[in-house]
């Protein structure tokens, strides 16, 4: 099976051969109905040469699609009336890519929902912490308000009682 990178290489080789025959880049782009940007992106590896792009080039210059799809030796089509063949059956038509993208989109949506749930959980926990902090501050204020003389007024001490016993007082 020919990889997309190899197809890109054969596509670019076809453009090099056309230039060697005297065509300029501008001639090639115009005759094939392609954009200079599309060719540049294929050259830099940002995009792959798609079936439509390949067919346009093959039709405009009567090139053999087998040269681009399979790297065959035949560059030009021998029969001038012959139309470019459909893409090679070994080329992925994108269904696997589309399925992977759909699964990725589903995963992204699941992750977004999980993030929203986690944000709500965090907000709830923050509220609990704020409530507890407020209660601690109130207890600290109450404790600060109790003076030593208030403590001396109560003549009993409360200790930890054994199980089943009541705390004893000093009275």
N, C-alpha and C. Protein backbone atom coordinates (compact mmCIF):
# COMPACT_ATOMS: atom_id res chain seq x y z
N UNK A 1 0.84 -1.17 0.00
CA UNK A 1 0.00 0.00 0.00
C UNK A 1 0.90 1.25 0.00
N UNK A 2 0.58 2.18 -0.83
CA UNK A 2 1.33 3.42 -0.94
C UNK A 2 0.84 4.38 0.14
N UNK A 3 1.76 5.01 0.85
CA UNK A 3 1.38 5.94 1.91
C UNK A 3 1.05 7.31 1.34
N UNK A 4 0.38 8.11 2.12
CA UNK A 4 0.04 9.46 1.69
C UNK A 4 1.31 10.28 1.44
N UNK A 5 2.34 10.04 2.23
CA UNK A 5 3.60 10.76 2.04
C UNK A 5 4.21 10.41 0.69
N UNK A 6 4.14 9.11 0.32
CA UNK A 6 4.66 8.70 -0.99
C UNK A 6 3.85 9.33 -2.12
N UNK A 7 2.53 9.36 -1.95
CA UNK A 7 1.67 9.98 -2.97
C UNK A 7 2.04 11.46 -3.11
N UNK A 8 2.24 12.13 -1.96
CA UNK A 8 2.67 13.53 -2.02
C UNK A 8 3.98 13.66 -2.79
N UNK A 9 4.90 12.76 -2.55
CA UNK A 9 6.19 12.78 -3.25
C UNK A 9 6.02 12.60 -4.74
N UNK A 10 5.17 11.64 -5.16
CA UNK A 10 4.94 11.41 -6.59
C UNK A 10 4.23 12.62 -7.21
N UNK A 11 3.31 13.22 -6.45
CA UNK A 11 2.60 14.41 -6.93
C UNK A 11 3.61 15.54 -7.20
N UNK A 12 4.50 15.77 -6.24
CA UNK A 12 5.50 16.82 -6.39
C UNK A 12 6.50 16.48 -7.50
N UNK A 13 6.80 15.19 -7.66
CA UNK A 13 7.67 14.76 -8.76
C UNK A 13 7.00 15.05 -10.11
N UNK A 14 5.68 14.86 -10.18
CA UNK A 14 4.96 15.16 -11.42
C UNK A 14 5.08 16.65 -11.74
N UNK A 15 4.97 17.50 -10.72
CA UNK A 15 5.11 18.94 -10.93
C UNK A 15 6.54 19.27 -11.38
N UNK A 16 7.54 18.62 -10.79
CA UNK A 16 8.94 18.84 -11.21
C UNK A 16 9.14 18.45 -12.68
N UNK A 17 8.55 17.31 -13.07
CA UNK A 17 8.70 16.86 -14.46
C UNK A 17 8.01 17.82 -15.42
N UNK A 18 6.86 18.33 -15.01
CA UNK A 18 6.16 19.30 -15.86
C UNK A 18 6.99 20.58 -16.02
N UNK A 19 7.63 20.98 -14.94
CA UNK A 19 8.52 22.17 -15.02
C UNK A 19 9.70 21.87 -15.94
N UNK A 20 10.20 20.65 -15.89
CA UNK A 20 11.31 20.26 -16.76
C UNK A 20 10.88 20.30 -18.23
N UNK A 21 9.58 20.09 -18.49
CA UNK A 21 9.05 20.17 -19.86
C UNK A 21 8.82 21.62 -20.29
N UNK A 22 9.05 22.57 -19.38
CA UNK A 22 8.94 23.98 -19.74
C UNK A 22 7.76 24.72 -19.12
N UNK A 23 6.93 24.02 -18.41
CA UNK A 23 5.81 24.70 -17.76
C UNK A 23 6.31 25.44 -16.51
N UNK A 24 5.71 26.60 -16.25
CA UNK A 24 6.03 27.32 -15.02
C UNK A 24 5.04 26.88 -13.94
N UNK A 25 5.38 27.22 -12.72
CA UNK A 25 4.47 26.90 -11.61
C UNK A 25 3.12 27.57 -11.85
N UNK A 26 3.15 28.79 -12.34
CA UNK A 26 1.92 29.53 -12.62
C UNK A 26 1.09 28.81 -13.69
N UNK A 27 1.77 28.30 -14.76
CA UNK A 27 1.08 27.55 -15.82
C UNK A 27 0.39 26.32 -15.25
N UNK A 28 1.11 25.61 -14.40
CA UNK A 28 0.59 24.35 -13.82
C UNK A 28 -0.63 24.64 -12.95
N UNK A 29 -0.51 25.63 -12.09
CA UNK A 29 -1.60 25.98 -11.17
C UNK A 29 -2.84 26.40 -11.96
N UNK A 30 -2.62 27.25 -12.96
CA UNK A 30 -3.75 27.77 -13.75
C UNK A 30 -4.42 26.65 -14.57
N UNK A 31 -3.63 25.84 -15.26
CA UNK A 31 -4.20 24.79 -16.11
C UNK A 31 -4.94 23.73 -15.29
N UNK A 32 -4.44 23.42 -14.12
CA UNK A 32 -5.07 22.38 -13.30
C UNK A 32 -6.18 22.93 -12.41
N UNK A 33 -6.31 24.26 -12.36
CA UNK A 33 -7.35 24.85 -11.51
C UNK A 33 -7.04 24.67 -10.03
N UNK A 34 -5.77 24.73 -9.70
CA UNK A 34 -5.35 24.57 -8.31
C UNK A 34 -4.88 25.92 -7.78
N UNK A 35 -4.70 26.01 -6.48
CA UNK A 35 -4.16 27.24 -5.91
C UNK A 35 -2.69 27.04 -5.58
N UNK A 36 -1.94 28.13 -5.66
CA UNK A 36 -0.52 28.07 -5.30
C UNK A 36 -0.39 27.65 -3.84
N UNK A 37 -1.32 28.12 -3.01
CA UNK A 37 -1.31 27.80 -1.59
C UNK A 37 -1.45 26.29 -1.36
N UNK A 38 -2.32 25.65 -2.14
CA UNK A 38 -2.52 24.20 -1.99
C UNK A 38 -1.23 23.44 -2.31
N UNK A 39 -0.56 23.84 -3.37
CA UNK A 39 0.69 23.18 -3.76
C UNK A 39 1.76 23.44 -2.70
N UNK A 40 1.83 24.66 -2.19
CA UNK A 40 2.82 24.99 -1.15
C UNK A 40 2.61 24.15 0.10
N UNK A 41 1.33 23.97 0.48
CA UNK A 41 1.05 23.16 1.68
C UNK A 41 1.42 21.70 1.48
N UNK A 42 1.27 21.19 0.27
CA UNK A 42 1.69 19.81 -0.02
C UNK A 42 3.21 19.73 0.05
N UNK A 43 3.89 20.75 -0.50
CA UNK A 43 5.37 20.76 -0.47
C UNK A 43 5.90 20.77 0.96
N UNK A 44 5.25 21.54 1.84
CA UNK A 44 5.73 21.66 3.23
C UNK A 44 5.20 20.56 4.14
N UNK A 45 4.32 19.70 3.60
CA UNK A 45 3.78 18.61 4.40
C UNK A 45 2.60 19.00 5.28
N UNK A 46 2.08 20.22 5.10
CA UNK A 46 0.93 20.66 5.89
C UNK A 46 -0.35 19.99 5.41
N UNK A 47 -0.42 19.65 4.13
CA UNK A 47 -1.59 18.97 3.55
C UNK A 47 -1.12 17.81 2.68
N UNK A 48 -2.05 16.91 2.41
CA UNK A 48 -1.79 15.81 1.49
C UNK A 48 -2.46 16.11 0.17
N UNK A 49 -1.89 15.55 -0.89
CA UNK A 49 -2.51 15.69 -2.21
C UNK A 49 -3.76 14.81 -2.21
N UNK A 50 -4.92 15.44 -2.28
CA UNK A 50 -6.19 14.70 -2.27
C UNK A 50 -6.54 14.19 -3.66
N UNK A 51 -7.54 13.33 -3.71
CA UNK A 51 -7.97 12.75 -4.98
C UNK A 51 -8.38 13.81 -5.99
N UNK A 52 -9.10 14.84 -5.53
CA UNK A 52 -9.56 15.89 -6.42
C UNK A 52 -8.37 16.65 -7.02
N UNK A 53 -7.40 16.97 -6.17
CA UNK A 53 -6.21 17.69 -6.62
C UNK A 53 -5.42 16.86 -7.63
N UNK A 54 -5.26 15.58 -7.33
CA UNK A 54 -4.53 14.68 -8.22
C UNK A 54 -5.25 14.54 -9.56
N UNK A 55 -6.56 14.35 -9.51
CA UNK A 55 -7.33 14.21 -10.76
C UNK A 55 -7.28 15.47 -11.61
N UNK A 56 -7.30 16.63 -10.97
CA UNK A 56 -7.21 17.89 -11.73
C UNK A 56 -5.87 17.98 -12.47
N UNK A 57 -4.79 17.65 -11.76
CA UNK A 57 -3.46 17.70 -12.38
C UNK A 57 -3.36 16.68 -13.52
N UNK A 58 -3.84 15.46 -13.27
CA UNK A 58 -3.77 14.40 -14.29
C UNK A 58 -4.60 14.77 -15.52
N UNK A 59 -5.78 15.31 -15.32
CA UNK A 59 -6.65 15.68 -16.43
C UNK A 59 -6.04 16.83 -17.24
N UNK A 60 -5.54 17.85 -16.55
CA UNK A 60 -5.01 19.03 -17.23
C UNK A 60 -3.79 18.70 -18.09
N UNK A 61 -2.96 17.77 -17.65
CA UNK A 61 -1.71 17.49 -18.37
C UNK A 61 -1.63 16.06 -18.92
N UNK A 62 -2.77 15.37 -18.90
CA UNK A 62 -2.86 14.00 -19.43
C UNK A 62 -1.78 13.11 -18.81
N UNK A 63 -1.71 13.19 -17.47
CA UNK A 63 -0.76 12.37 -16.73
C UNK A 63 -1.41 11.06 -16.32
N UNK A 64 -0.62 10.06 -16.13
CA UNK A 64 -1.11 8.77 -15.67
C UNK A 64 -1.34 8.85 -14.15
N UNK A 65 -2.57 8.61 -13.70
CA UNK A 65 -2.82 8.61 -12.26
C UNK A 65 -1.99 7.55 -11.55
N UNK A 66 -1.66 6.46 -12.26
CA UNK A 66 -0.84 5.42 -11.66
C UNK A 66 0.54 5.94 -11.26
N UNK A 67 1.03 6.94 -11.97
CA UNK A 67 2.33 7.51 -11.61
C UNK A 67 2.24 8.13 -10.21
N UNK A 68 1.16 8.85 -9.94
CA UNK A 68 1.03 9.53 -8.64
C UNK A 68 0.58 8.56 -7.55
N UNK A 69 -0.40 7.71 -7.86
CA UNK A 69 -0.94 6.81 -6.84
C UNK A 69 -0.04 5.62 -6.52
N UNK A 70 0.73 5.18 -7.51
CA UNK A 70 1.51 3.95 -7.29
C UNK A 70 3.00 4.09 -7.61
N UNK A 71 3.39 5.25 -8.15
CA UNK A 71 4.78 5.43 -8.50
C UNK A 71 5.20 4.66 -9.74
N UNK A 72 4.23 4.39 -10.64
CA UNK A 72 4.56 3.62 -11.86
C UNK A 72 5.49 4.43 -12.76
N UNK A 73 6.11 3.74 -13.69
CA UNK A 73 7.06 4.38 -14.61
C UNK A 73 6.35 5.25 -15.64
N UNK A 74 5.11 4.91 -15.96
CA UNK A 74 4.39 5.65 -16.99
C UNK A 74 3.95 7.00 -16.44
N UNK A 75 4.54 8.07 -16.98
CA UNK A 75 4.25 9.43 -16.51
C UNK A 75 3.04 10.01 -17.25
N UNK A 76 3.07 9.94 -18.58
CA UNK A 76 1.97 10.47 -19.40
C UNK A 76 1.07 9.32 -19.84
N UNK A 77 -0.22 9.64 -20.02
CA UNK A 77 -1.15 8.62 -20.51
C UNK A 77 -0.89 8.43 -22.00
N UNK A 78 -0.88 7.16 -22.42
CA UNK A 78 -0.58 6.87 -23.81
C UNK A 78 -1.76 7.18 -24.71
N UNK A 79 -2.96 6.84 -24.26
CA UNK A 79 -4.15 7.10 -25.04
C UNK A 79 -4.67 8.48 -24.64
N UNK A 80 -4.63 9.44 -25.55
CA UNK A 80 -5.03 10.81 -25.24
C UNK A 80 -6.49 10.91 -24.82
N UNK A 81 -7.33 9.96 -25.23
CA UNK A 81 -8.74 9.99 -24.88
C UNK A 81 -9.01 9.38 -23.50
N UNK A 82 -8.04 8.66 -22.99
CA UNK A 82 -8.22 7.99 -21.70
C UNK A 82 -8.34 9.03 -20.59
N UNK A 83 -9.29 8.83 -19.71
CA UNK A 83 -9.49 9.71 -18.57
C UNK A 83 -8.75 9.16 -17.37
N UNK A 84 -8.40 10.00 -16.44
CA UNK A 84 -7.72 9.50 -15.24
C UNK A 84 -8.57 8.45 -14.53
N UNK A 85 -7.91 7.44 -14.05
CA UNK A 85 -8.60 6.36 -13.33
C UNK A 85 -9.03 6.86 -11.96
N UNK A 86 -10.04 6.22 -11.41
CA UNK A 86 -10.42 6.60 -10.04
C UNK A 86 -9.27 6.27 -9.09
N UNK A 87 -9.33 6.80 -7.91
CA UNK A 87 -8.25 6.54 -6.96
C UNK A 87 -8.03 5.05 -6.74
N UNK A 88 -6.80 4.72 -6.47
CA UNK A 88 -6.44 3.32 -6.21
C UNK A 88 -7.24 2.80 -5.02
N UNK A 89 -7.67 1.55 -5.06
CA UNK A 89 -8.50 1.03 -3.97
C UNK A 89 -7.77 0.95 -2.63
N UNK A 90 -6.45 1.02 -2.65
CA UNK A 90 -5.71 0.93 -1.39
C UNK A 90 -5.66 2.27 -0.67
N UNK A 91 -6.11 3.34 -1.33
CA UNK A 91 -6.09 4.66 -0.70
C UNK A 91 -7.30 4.76 0.22
N UNK A 92 -7.07 5.19 1.44
CA UNK A 92 -8.14 5.36 2.41
C UNK A 92 -9.06 6.48 1.94
N UNK A 93 -10.36 6.22 1.86
CA UNK A 93 -11.28 7.24 1.40
C UNK A 93 -11.70 8.19 2.51
N UNK A 94 -11.13 8.03 3.66
CA UNK A 94 -11.41 8.96 4.75
C UNK A 94 -12.39 8.43 5.77
N UNK A 95 -13.02 7.26 5.52
CA UNK A 95 -14.01 6.77 6.46
C UNK A 95 -13.38 6.46 7.82
N UNK A 96 -12.19 5.90 7.80
CA UNK A 96 -11.52 5.62 9.08
C UNK A 96 -11.16 6.92 9.78
N UNK A 97 -10.74 7.90 9.00
CA UNK A 97 -10.41 9.20 9.58
C UNK A 97 -11.66 9.85 10.16
N UNK A 98 -12.77 9.79 9.41
CA UNK A 98 -14.02 10.37 9.90
C UNK A 98 -14.49 9.68 11.18
N UNK A 99 -14.35 8.36 11.23
CA UNK A 99 -14.74 7.63 12.43
C UNK A 99 -13.86 8.04 13.61
N UNK A 100 -12.58 8.19 13.35
CA UNK A 100 -11.66 8.61 14.42
C UNK A 100 -11.99 10.01 14.89
N UNK A 101 -12.31 10.90 13.96
CA UNK A 101 -12.68 12.26 14.34
C UNK A 101 -13.98 12.29 15.14
N UNK A 102 -14.95 11.47 14.76
CA UNK A 102 -16.21 11.41 15.50
C UNK A 102 -15.96 10.90 16.91
N UNK A 103 -15.12 9.88 17.04
CA UNK A 103 -14.79 9.35 18.37
C UNK A 103 -14.06 10.42 19.19
N UNK A 104 -13.17 11.16 18.54
CA UNK A 104 -12.44 12.23 19.22
C UNK A 104 -13.41 13.31 19.69
N UNK A 105 -14.37 13.68 18.82
CA UNK A 105 -15.36 14.69 19.20
C UNK A 105 -16.20 14.22 20.39
N UNK A 106 -16.57 12.94 20.37
CA UNK A 106 -17.35 12.37 21.48
C UNK A 106 -16.53 12.41 22.77
N UNK A 107 -15.27 12.07 22.67
CA UNK A 107 -14.38 12.10 23.84
C UNK A 107 -14.25 13.52 24.36
N UNK A 108 -14.12 14.47 23.46
CA UNK A 108 -14.00 15.87 23.87
C UNK A 108 -15.26 16.31 24.60
N UNK A 109 -16.43 15.95 24.08
CA UNK A 109 -17.69 16.32 24.74
C UNK A 109 -17.79 15.68 26.11
N UNK A 110 -17.37 14.42 26.22
CA UNK A 110 -17.38 13.74 27.51
C UNK A 110 -16.46 14.44 28.49
N UNK A 111 -15.28 14.82 28.03
CA UNK A 111 -14.33 15.52 28.89
C UNK A 111 -14.86 16.89 29.30
N UNK A 112 -15.52 17.59 28.38
CA UNK A 112 -16.10 18.89 28.72
C UNK A 112 -17.16 18.73 29.81
N UNK A 113 -18.00 17.71 29.69
CA UNK A 113 -19.03 17.46 30.71
C UNK A 113 -18.37 17.13 32.05
N UNK A 114 -17.32 16.35 32.02
CA UNK A 114 -16.60 16.00 33.26
C UNK A 114 -15.99 17.23 33.90
N UNK A 115 -15.44 18.12 33.07
CA UNK A 115 -14.87 19.37 33.59
C UNK A 115 -15.94 20.20 34.28
N UNK A 116 -17.13 20.31 33.66
CA UNK A 116 -18.23 21.07 34.27
C UNK A 116 -18.60 20.44 35.62
N UNK A 117 -18.68 19.11 35.67
CA UNK A 117 -18.99 18.43 36.93
C UNK A 117 -17.92 18.72 37.99
N UNK A 118 -16.66 18.65 37.59
CA UNK A 118 -15.57 18.91 38.53
C UNK A 118 -15.58 20.36 39.00
N UNK A 119 -15.89 21.29 38.11
CA UNK A 119 -15.97 22.70 38.51
C UNK A 119 -17.08 22.90 39.55
N UNK A 120 -18.21 22.22 39.36
CA UNK A 120 -19.30 22.34 40.32
C UNK A 120 -18.90 21.72 41.66
N UNK A 121 -18.23 20.58 41.62
CA UNK A 121 -17.77 19.94 42.84
C UNK A 121 -16.80 20.85 43.59
N UNK A 122 -15.90 21.47 42.86
CA UNK A 122 -14.94 22.39 43.47
C UNK A 122 -15.67 23.58 44.09
N UNK A 123 -16.64 24.13 43.37
CA UNK A 123 -17.42 25.27 43.89
C UNK A 123 -18.14 24.87 45.18
N UNK A 124 -18.71 23.66 45.19
CA UNK A 124 -19.39 23.17 46.40
C UNK A 124 -18.40 23.04 47.56
N UNK A 125 -17.24 22.49 47.30
CA UNK A 125 -16.22 22.32 48.35
C UNK A 125 -15.74 23.68 48.86
N UNK A 126 -15.59 24.64 47.98
CA UNK A 126 -15.18 25.98 48.39
C UNK A 126 -16.22 26.59 49.33
N UNK A 127 -17.49 26.40 49.02
CA UNK A 127 -18.56 26.91 49.89
C UNK A 127 -18.51 26.25 51.26
N UNK A 128 -18.27 24.95 51.29
CA UNK A 128 -18.15 24.24 52.57
C UNK A 128 -16.98 24.79 53.37
N UNK A 129 -15.85 25.00 52.71
CA UNK A 129 -14.67 25.53 53.38
C UNK A 129 -14.94 26.94 53.92
N UNK A 130 -15.59 27.78 53.12
CA UNK A 130 -15.92 29.13 53.57
C UNK A 130 -16.83 29.10 54.78
N UNK A 131 -17.83 28.20 54.76
CA UNK A 131 -18.75 28.07 55.89
C UNK A 131 -17.99 27.64 57.15
N UNK A 132 -17.11 26.68 57.01
CA UNK A 132 -16.33 26.20 58.16
C UNK A 132 -15.39 27.29 58.67
N UNK A 133 -14.78 28.02 57.77
CA UNK A 133 -13.91 29.12 58.19
C UNK A 133 -14.70 30.16 58.97
N UNK A 134 -15.90 30.47 58.51
CA UNK A 134 -16.76 31.44 59.21
C UNK A 134 -17.11 30.92 60.61
N UNK A 135 -17.42 29.64 60.74
CA UNK A 135 -17.73 29.07 62.06
C UNK A 135 -16.52 29.11 62.97
N UNK A 136 -15.34 28.84 62.42
CA UNK A 136 -14.11 28.89 63.23
C UNK A 136 -13.87 30.31 63.74
N UNK A 137 -14.04 31.29 62.86
CA UNK A 137 -13.85 32.69 63.25
C UNK A 137 -14.84 33.04 64.37
N UNK A 138 -16.10 32.63 64.25
CA UNK A 138 -17.11 32.91 65.28
C UNK A 138 -16.72 32.26 66.60
N UNK A 139 -16.25 31.01 66.56
CA UNK A 139 -15.82 30.34 67.78
C UNK A 139 -14.59 31.01 68.39
N UNK A 140 -13.68 31.47 67.56
CA UNK A 140 -12.50 32.17 68.07
C UNK A 140 -12.91 33.47 68.77
N UNK A 141 -13.91 34.16 68.19
CA UNK A 141 -14.40 35.40 68.83
C UNK A 141 -15.06 35.08 70.17
N UNK A 142 -15.85 34.02 70.21
CA UNK A 142 -16.49 33.64 71.47
C UNK A 142 -15.44 33.28 72.51
N UNK A 143 -14.44 32.54 72.10
CA UNK A 143 -13.37 32.15 73.00
C UNK A 143 -12.60 33.36 73.51
N UNK A 144 -12.36 34.32 72.65
CA UNK A 144 -11.64 35.52 73.06
C UNK A 144 -12.46 36.35 74.04
N UNK A 145 -13.78 36.25 73.92
CA UNK A 145 -14.66 37.02 74.81
C UNK A 145 -14.72 36.43 76.21
N UNK A 146 -14.39 35.19 76.37
CA UNK A 146 -14.41 34.54 77.69
C UNK A 146 -13.15 34.97 78.43
N UNK A 147 -13.34 35.58 79.60
CA UNK A 147 -12.18 36.03 80.37
C UNK A 147 -11.80 34.97 81.39
N UNK A 148 -10.65 35.18 81.98
CA UNK A 148 -10.18 34.25 83.00
C UNK A 148 -11.12 34.26 84.19
N UNK A 149 -11.65 35.42 84.54
CA UNK A 149 -12.57 35.49 85.68
C UNK A 149 -13.84 34.70 85.41
N UNK A 150 -14.26 34.67 84.13
CA UNK A 150 -15.43 33.86 83.80
C UNK A 150 -15.13 32.39 84.03
N UNK A 151 -13.93 31.98 83.73
CA UNK A 151 -13.54 30.59 83.91
C UNK A 151 -13.48 30.26 85.40
N UNK A 152 -12.99 31.22 86.24
CA UNK A 152 -12.87 30.99 87.68
C UNK A 152 -14.22 30.92 88.36
N UNK A 153 -15.27 31.50 87.77
CA UNK A 153 -16.60 31.46 88.35
C UNK A 153 -17.18 30.05 88.36
N UNK A 154 -16.70 29.23 87.48
CA UNK A 154 -17.21 27.87 87.42
C UNK A 154 -16.24 26.98 88.18
N UNK A 155 -16.63 26.55 89.41
CA UNK A 155 -15.69 25.82 90.26
C UNK A 155 -15.54 24.35 89.93
N UNK A 156 -15.93 23.97 88.80
CA UNK A 156 -15.74 22.55 88.47
C UNK A 156 -14.85 22.43 87.24
N UNK A 157 -14.21 21.32 87.17
CA UNK A 157 -13.42 21.07 85.99
C UNK A 157 -14.00 19.86 85.30
N UNK A 158 -14.01 19.91 84.06
CA UNK A 158 -14.56 18.80 83.30
C UNK A 158 -13.39 18.04 82.72
N UNK A 159 -13.32 16.79 83.09
CA UNK A 159 -12.27 15.94 82.56
C UNK A 159 -12.87 14.91 81.65
N UNK A 160 -12.07 14.09 81.12
CA UNK A 160 -12.55 13.02 80.26
C UNK A 160 -13.02 11.91 81.17
N UNK A 161 -14.25 11.51 81.05
CA UNK A 161 -14.81 10.48 81.91
C UNK A 161 -14.56 9.12 81.30
N UNK A 162 -14.49 8.15 82.19
CA UNK A 162 -14.42 6.78 81.70
C UNK A 162 -15.77 6.45 81.09
N UNK A 163 -15.80 5.42 80.33
CA UNK A 163 -17.04 5.03 79.69
C UNK A 163 -18.11 4.77 80.73
N UNK A 164 -19.27 5.31 80.53
CA UNK A 164 -20.37 5.08 81.43
C UNK A 164 -20.38 6.04 82.62
N UNK A 165 -19.31 6.77 82.90
CA UNK A 165 -19.26 7.71 84.02
C UNK A 165 -19.59 9.10 83.54
N UNK A 166 -20.07 9.90 84.47
CA UNK A 166 -20.31 11.29 84.18
C UNK A 166 -19.07 12.07 84.60
N UNK A 167 -18.82 13.19 83.99
CA UNK A 167 -17.66 13.98 84.44
C UNK A 167 -17.87 14.45 85.88
N UNK A 168 -16.80 14.45 86.67
CA UNK A 168 -16.87 14.86 88.06
C UNK A 168 -16.60 16.35 88.19
N UNK A 169 -17.23 16.96 89.15
CA UNK A 169 -16.95 18.36 89.40
C UNK A 169 -16.18 18.49 90.69
N UNK A 170 -15.55 19.63 90.91
CA UNK A 170 -14.77 19.88 92.12
C UNK A 170 -15.64 20.40 93.25
N UNK A 171 -16.89 20.55 93.05
CA UNK A 171 -17.76 21.12 94.07
C UNK A 171 -18.07 20.12 95.14
